[in-house]
Amino acid sequence: QVQLQESGPGLVKPSQILSLTCTVSGGSITTNYYYWSWIRQPPGKGLEYLGSIAYSGSTYYSPSLESRTSISRDTSKNQFTLQLSAVTPEDTAVYYCARGPDHQSLRSRIRAGSLGAVQRADFGSWGQGTQVTVSS
C-alpha cells in the first residue's frame, strides 16, 4: 500500500518561498498512470487543489496560484516537491500531498485548469498533512 509523507518547515516568513517535499513509499511516482498532487486546507476553510505532477512528469496547476506555484520531482528518491513563492499569511494552511485524482472527469478539469475545491474522496491516498504558518 502506498504511503506518503510531507516534510518541510512549519514556519515561513512573508515574501519567502514555501518548499515542501512528499516522500512516497510502497509505489513509484513514475508508475503508469498515476498523478501526484498537492492540496491545502486553510483554517476554517475547505480543501483547495494546488497542482499535480503526472507519472510522465507533466505538471498542472490551479489557475488561481499558477503564477506562484512550481511542482517538481526526484525520481531517484521517489519524491515530489511543491514550491510556493511570495507567500503571505493567507497561505497559512495544512498542506497535504496525495496520489490522484484517478477519475477522468477530475483529470480533465486539471488539464483544463478548472479544478479548485476538492474532497478527500477525490484522491486515493493522502499524507498526514503538515502545518505551514506564514508569519514574520
Foldseek 3Di string as FASTA:
>chain_A
DKAKAKDADQEAEAQAKGKIKIFIPPDAQLPPWKKKFKWWAAPPGAIWTAWIATSVRDIFGQPVQVVFWDKGDDRVRRMIMIMGGRDDQVPWTWMKMFMDQPDPVVVVCRVVNNGTGDDPVSTDYMHPTGTHGYHD
